[in-house]
Amino acid sequence: MTHSRRPKRSRWEETHRAARPHHRGKPAHWRRHSDSEPTLTKLTRATEPGAVDPQPKVWTLLDFEVPRSRADELAEALSHALLAEGGWYADFGVEDDHIVVFANKVSRYKKGDHNARKEVVAYGLSIGVPAHQLDWGD
């Protein structure tokens, strides 16, 4: 789940951020239970000045790590969990790919592929995501 807030990550695991507002507040840290389970690494509440109706003004941000081998599973699960109303999406990187997840749709493109990125942004706009929120980094 873009406001250029990419934490450092190891090559075998990827970090996901759902609902991409500016990073504020004090995070809660959690530890890994198993190398194959998703692990919550940060929980933050933040006021989002760019929120539009019907989005709330305060967002809850969840950062977590999953093994690369489970990235597609994560994307699919998020696509079924995200609300279609309100312009919600999540995005994350997996090696040279960038994955952007909307309600019931997963888009994956090579980082640096500007035409593919434009297509994903166009889709986001078509379903009501505000343009200023379609700013994830590659």
C-alpha atoms as a PDB file:
ATOM      1  CA  MET A   1       0.000   0.000   0.000  1.00  0.00           C
ATOM      2  CA  THR A   2       2.825   6.583  -2.176  1.00  0.00           C
ATOM      3  CA  HIS A   3       4.531   9.180  -0.194  1.00  0.00           C
ATOM      4  CA  SER A   4       8.049   7.674  -0.472  1.00  0.00           C
ATOM      5  CA  ARG A   5       8.053   5.963   2.928  1.00  0.00           C
ATOM      6  CA  ARG A   6       9.899   2.827   2.040  1.00  0.00           C
ATOM      7  CA  PRO A   7      11.622   1.189   4.998  1.00  0.00           C
ATOM      8  CA  LYS A   8      14.770  -0.804   4.343  1.00  0.00           C
ATOM      9  CA  ARG A   9      14.011  -4.459   3.672  1.00  0.00           C
ATOM     10  CA  SER A  10      16.027  -7.605   3.240  1.00  0.00           C
ATOM     11  CA  ARG A  11      16.068  -9.446  -0.105  1.00  0.00           C
ATOM     12  CA  TRP A  12      13.996 -12.398   1.184  1.00  0.00           C
ATOM     13  CA  GLU A  13      11.128 -10.412   2.610  1.00  0.00           C
ATOM     14  CA  GLU A  14       9.053  -7.526   1.442  1.00  0.00           C
ATOM     15  CA  THR A  15       7.369  -4.757   3.365  1.00  0.00           C
ATOM     16  CA  HIS A  16       3.780  -3.734   2.785  1.00  0.00           C
ATOM     17  CA  ARG A  17       2.048  -0.523   3.722  1.00  0.00           C
ATOM     18  CA  ALA A  18      -1.693  -0.311   3.435  1.00  0.00           C
ATOM     19  CA  ALA A  19      -3.458   3.025   2.990  1.00  0.00           C
ATOM     20  CA  ARG A  20      -0.638   5.378   2.109  1.00  0.00           C
ATOM     21  CA  PRO A  21      -0.822   8.624   4.145  1.00  0.00           C
ATOM     22  CA  HIS A  22       2.083  10.653   5.460  1.00  0.00           C
ATOM     23  CA  HIS A  23       3.983   8.830   8.173  1.00  0.00           C
ATOM     24  CA  ARG A  24       3.233  10.304  11.617  1.00  0.00           C
ATOM     25  CA  GLY A  25       2.866   9.113  15.160  1.00  0.00           C
ATOM     26  CA  LYS A  26       4.706   6.609  17.306  1.00  0.00           C
ATOM     27  CA  PRO A  27       4.742   3.032  16.010  1.00  0.00           C
ATOM     28  CA  ALA A  28       4.141  -0.105  18.019  1.00  0.00           C
ATOM     29  CA  HIS A  29       6.766  -2.770  17.228  1.00  0.00           C
ATOM     30  CA  TRP A  30       6.048  -6.461  17.042  1.00  0.00           C
ATOM     31  CA  ARG A  31       8.350  -9.446  16.640  1.00  0.00           C
ATOM     32  CA  ARG A  32       8.329 -12.278  14.136  1.00  0.00           C
ATOM     33  CA  HIS A  33       6.720 -15.553  15.218  1.00  0.00           C
ATOM     34  CA  SER A  34       7.750 -17.580  12.167  1.00  0.00           C
ATOM     35  CA  ASP A  35       9.612 -16.878   8.929  1.00  0.00           C
ATOM     36  CA  SER A  36       6.564 -18.002   6.936  1.00  0.00           C
ATOM     37  CA  GLU A  37       3.927 -15.900   8.748  1.00  0.00           C
ATOM     38  CA  PRO A  38       3.157 -12.260   8.062  1.00  0.00           C
ATOM     39  CA  THR A  39       4.646 -10.163  10.852  1.00  0.00           C
ATOM     40  CA  LEU A  40       3.268  -6.816  11.951  1.00  0.00           C
ATOM     41  CA  THR A  41       6.267  -4.487  12.262  1.00  0.00           C
ATOM     42  CA  LYS A  42       4.572  -1.145  12.868  1.00  0.00           C
ATOM     43  CA  LEU A  43       1.151   0.155  13.817  1.00  0.00           C
ATOM     44  CA  THR A  44       0.591   3.895  13.444  1.00  0.00           C
ATOM     45  CA  ARG A  45      -2.387   6.249  13.590  1.00  0.00           C
ATOM     46  CA  ALA A  46      -2.036   9.366  11.464  1.00  0.00           C
ATOM     47  CA  THR A  47      -4.094  12.390  10.518  1.00  0.00           C
ATOM     48  CA  GLU A  48      -4.286  12.489   6.734  1.00  0.00           C
ATOM     49  CA  PRO A  49      -4.657  16.057   5.471  1.00  0.00           C
ATOM     50  CA  GLY A  50      -5.329  14.787   1.936  1.00  0.00           C
ATOM     51  CA  ALA A  51      -8.331  12.641   2.931  1.00  0.00           C
ATOM     52  CA  VAL A  52     -11.455  13.198   0.873  1.00  0.00           C
ATOM     53  CA  ASP A  53     -15.058  12.171   1.513  1.00  0.00           C
ATOM     54  CA  PRO A  54     -15.874   9.442   2.470  1.00  0.00           C
ATOM     55  CA  GLN A  55     -12.330   8.768   3.771  1.00  0.00           C
ATOM     56  CA  PRO A  56     -11.747   9.303   7.490  1.00  0.00           C
ATOM     57  CA  LYS A  57      -9.375  12.072   8.573  1.00  0.00           C
ATOM     58  CA  VAL A  58      -7.413   9.681  10.820  1.00  0.00           C
ATOM     59  CA  TRP A  59      -5.940   6.579   9.185  1.00  0.00           C
ATOM     60  CA  THR A  60      -4.517   3.445  10.774  1.00  0.00           C
ATOM     61  CA  LEU A  61      -1.333   2.288   9.038  1.00  0.00           C
ATOM     62  CA  LEU A  62      -0.136  -1.282   9.244  1.00  0.00           C
ATOM     63  CA  ASP A  63       3.379  -2.181   8.154  1.00  0.00           C
ATOM     64  CA  PHE A  64       4.201  -5.840   7.995  1.00  0.00           C
ATOM     65  CA  GLU A  65       6.665  -8.238   6.439  1.00  0.00           C
ATOM     66  CA  VAL A  66       5.935 -11.406   4.529  1.00  0.00           C
ATOM     67  CA  PRO A  67       8.238 -13.824   2.751  1.00  0.00           C
ATOM     68  CA  ARG A  68       8.579 -13.117  -0.973  1.00  0.00           C
ATOM     69  CA  SER A  69       7.043 -16.530  -1.692  1.00  0.00           C
ATOM     70  CA  ARG A  70       3.753 -15.339  -0.164  1.00  0.00           C
ATOM     71  CA  ALA A  71       3.517 -11.974  -1.949  1.00  0.00           C
ATOM     72  CA  ASP A  72       0.867 -13.143  -4.421  1.00  0.00           C
ATOM     73  CA  GLU A  73      -1.167 -14.637  -1.583  1.00  0.00           C
ATOM     74  CA  LEU A  74      -0.954 -11.332   0.287  1.00  0.00           C
ATOM     75  CA  ALA A  75      -2.016  -9.340  -2.783  1.00  0.00           C
ATOM     76  CA  GLU A  76      -5.008 -11.598  -3.383  1.00  0.00           C
ATOM     77  CA  ALA A  77      -6.081 -11.424   0.279  1.00  0.00           C
ATOM     78  CA  LEU A  78      -5.821  -7.632   0.270  1.00  0.00           C
ATOM     79  CA  SER A  79      -7.842  -7.378  -2.955  1.00  0.00           C
ATOM     80  CA  HIS A  80     -10.731  -9.117  -1.197  1.00  0.00           C
ATOM     81  CA  ALA A  81     -10.366  -7.095   2.011  1.00  0.00           C
ATOM     82  CA  LEU A  82     -10.089  -3.537   0.665  1.00  0.00           C
ATOM     83  CA  LEU A  83     -13.234  -1.462   0.376  1.00  0.00           C
ATOM     84  CA  ALA A  84     -14.233  -0.428  -3.122  1.00  0.00           C
ATOM     85  CA  GLU A  85     -15.754   2.801  -1.832  1.00  0.00           C
ATOM     86  CA  GLY A  86     -13.446   5.612  -0.794  1.00  0.00           C
ATOM     87  CA  GLY A  87     -10.503   4.986  -3.082  1.00  0.00           C
ATOM     88  CA  TRP A  88      -8.533   2.505  -0.963  1.00  0.00           C
ATOM     89  CA  TYR A  89      -5.510   0.653  -2.264  1.00  0.00           C
ATOM     90  CA  ALA A  90      -2.337  -0.957  -0.955  1.00  0.00           C
ATOM     91  CA  ASP A  91       1.034  -1.233  -2.626  1.00  0.00           C
ATOM     92  CA  PHE A  92       4.330  -2.978  -2.054  1.00  0.00           C
ATOM     93  CA  GLY A  93       7.480  -4.041  -3.849  1.00  0.00           C
ATOM     94  CA  VAL A  94       8.745  -7.535  -4.605  1.00  0.00           C
ATOM     95  CA  GLU A  95      12.262  -7.497  -6.045  1.00  0.00           C
ATOM     96  CA  ASP A  96      11.972  -5.657  -9.413  1.00  0.00           C
ATOM     97  CA  ASP A  97       8.160  -5.591  -9.402  1.00  0.00           C
ATOM     98  CA  HIS A  98       5.696  -3.167  -7.892  1.00  0.00           C
ATOM     99  CA  ILE A  99       2.301  -4.524  -6.846  1.00  0.00           C
ATOM    100  CA  VAL A 100      -0.700  -2.237  -6.426  1.00  0.00           C
ATOM    101  CA  VAL A 101      -3.844  -3.774  -4.967  1.00  0.00           C
ATOM    102  CA  PHE A 102      -7.331  -2.326  -5.298  1.00  0.00           C
ATOM    103  CA  ALA A 103     -10.622  -3.914  -4.258  1.00  0.00           C
ATOM    104  CA  ASN A 104     -10.934  -7.064  -6.397  1.00  0.00           C
ATOM    105  CA  LYS A 105      -7.949  -6.168  -8.619  1.00  0.00           C
ATOM    106  CA  VAL A 106      -4.220  -6.778  -8.395  1.00  0.00           C
ATOM    107  CA  SER A 107      -1.828  -4.945 -10.741  1.00  0.00           C
ATOM    108  CA  ARG A 108       1.837  -5.881 -11.053  1.00  0.00           C
ATOM    109  CA  TYR A 109       4.447  -4.138 -13.159  1.00  0.00           C
ATOM    110  CA  LYS A 110       8.229  -3.843 -13.414  1.00  0.00           C
ATOM    111  CA  LYS A 111       9.627  -0.926 -11.431  1.00  0.00           C
ATOM    112  CA  GLY A 112      10.558   1.836 -13.838  1.00  0.00           C
ATOM    113  CA  ASP A 113       7.957   0.813 -16.463  1.00  0.00           C
ATOM    114  CA  HIS A 114       6.319   4.229 -16.748  1.00  0.00           C
ATOM    115  CA  ASN A 115       3.642   3.128 -19.232  1.00  0.00           C
ATOM    116  CA  ALA A 116       2.484   0.261 -16.997  1.00  0.00           C
ATOM    117  CA  ARG A 117       2.493   2.602 -13.997  1.00  0.00           C
ATOM    118  CA  LYS A 118       0.345   5.107 -15.941  1.00  0.00           C
ATOM    119  CA  GLU A 119      -2.177   2.335 -16.664  1.00  0.00           C
ATOM    120  CA  VAL A 120      -2.415   1.470 -12.954  1.00  0.00           C
ATOM    121  CA  VAL A 121      -2.787   5.157 -12.042  1.00  0.00           C
ATOM    122  CA  ALA A 122      -5.503   5.528 -14.702  1.00  0.00           C
ATOM    123  CA  TYR A 123      -7.353   2.569 -13.221  1.00  0.00           C
ATOM    124  CA  GLY A 124      -7.089   4.091  -9.742  1.00  0.00           C
ATOM    125  CA  LEU A 125      -8.513   7.376 -11.017  1.00  0.00           C
ATOM    126  CA  SER A 126     -11.334   5.513 -12.781  1.00  0.00           C
ATOM    127  CA  ILE A 127     -12.493   3.953  -9.504  1.00  0.00           C
ATOM    128  CA  GLY A 128     -12.331   7.182  -7.517  1.00  0.00           C
ATOM    129  CA  VAL A 129      -8.876   7.229  -5.928  1.00  0.00           C
ATOM    130  CA  PRO A 130      -7.908  10.910  -5.592  1.00  0.00           C
ATOM    131  CA  ALA A 131      -4.990  11.778  -7.920  1.00  0.00           C
ATOM    132  CA  HIS A 132      -2.861  13.140  -5.073  1.00  0.00           C
ATOM    133  CA  GLN A 133      -3.058   9.737  -3.341  1.00  0.00           C
ATOM    134  CA  LEU A 134      -1.767   7.791  -6.362  1.00  0.00           C
ATOM    135  CA  ASP A 135       1.829   8.742  -5.591  1.00  0.00           C
ATOM    136  CA  TRP A 136       3.517   5.511  -4.540  1.00  0.00           C
ATOM    137  CA  GLY A 137       7.248   5.282  -5.190  1.00  0.00           C
ATOM    138  CA  ASP A 138       8.887   2.721  -7.438  1.00  0.00           C
END
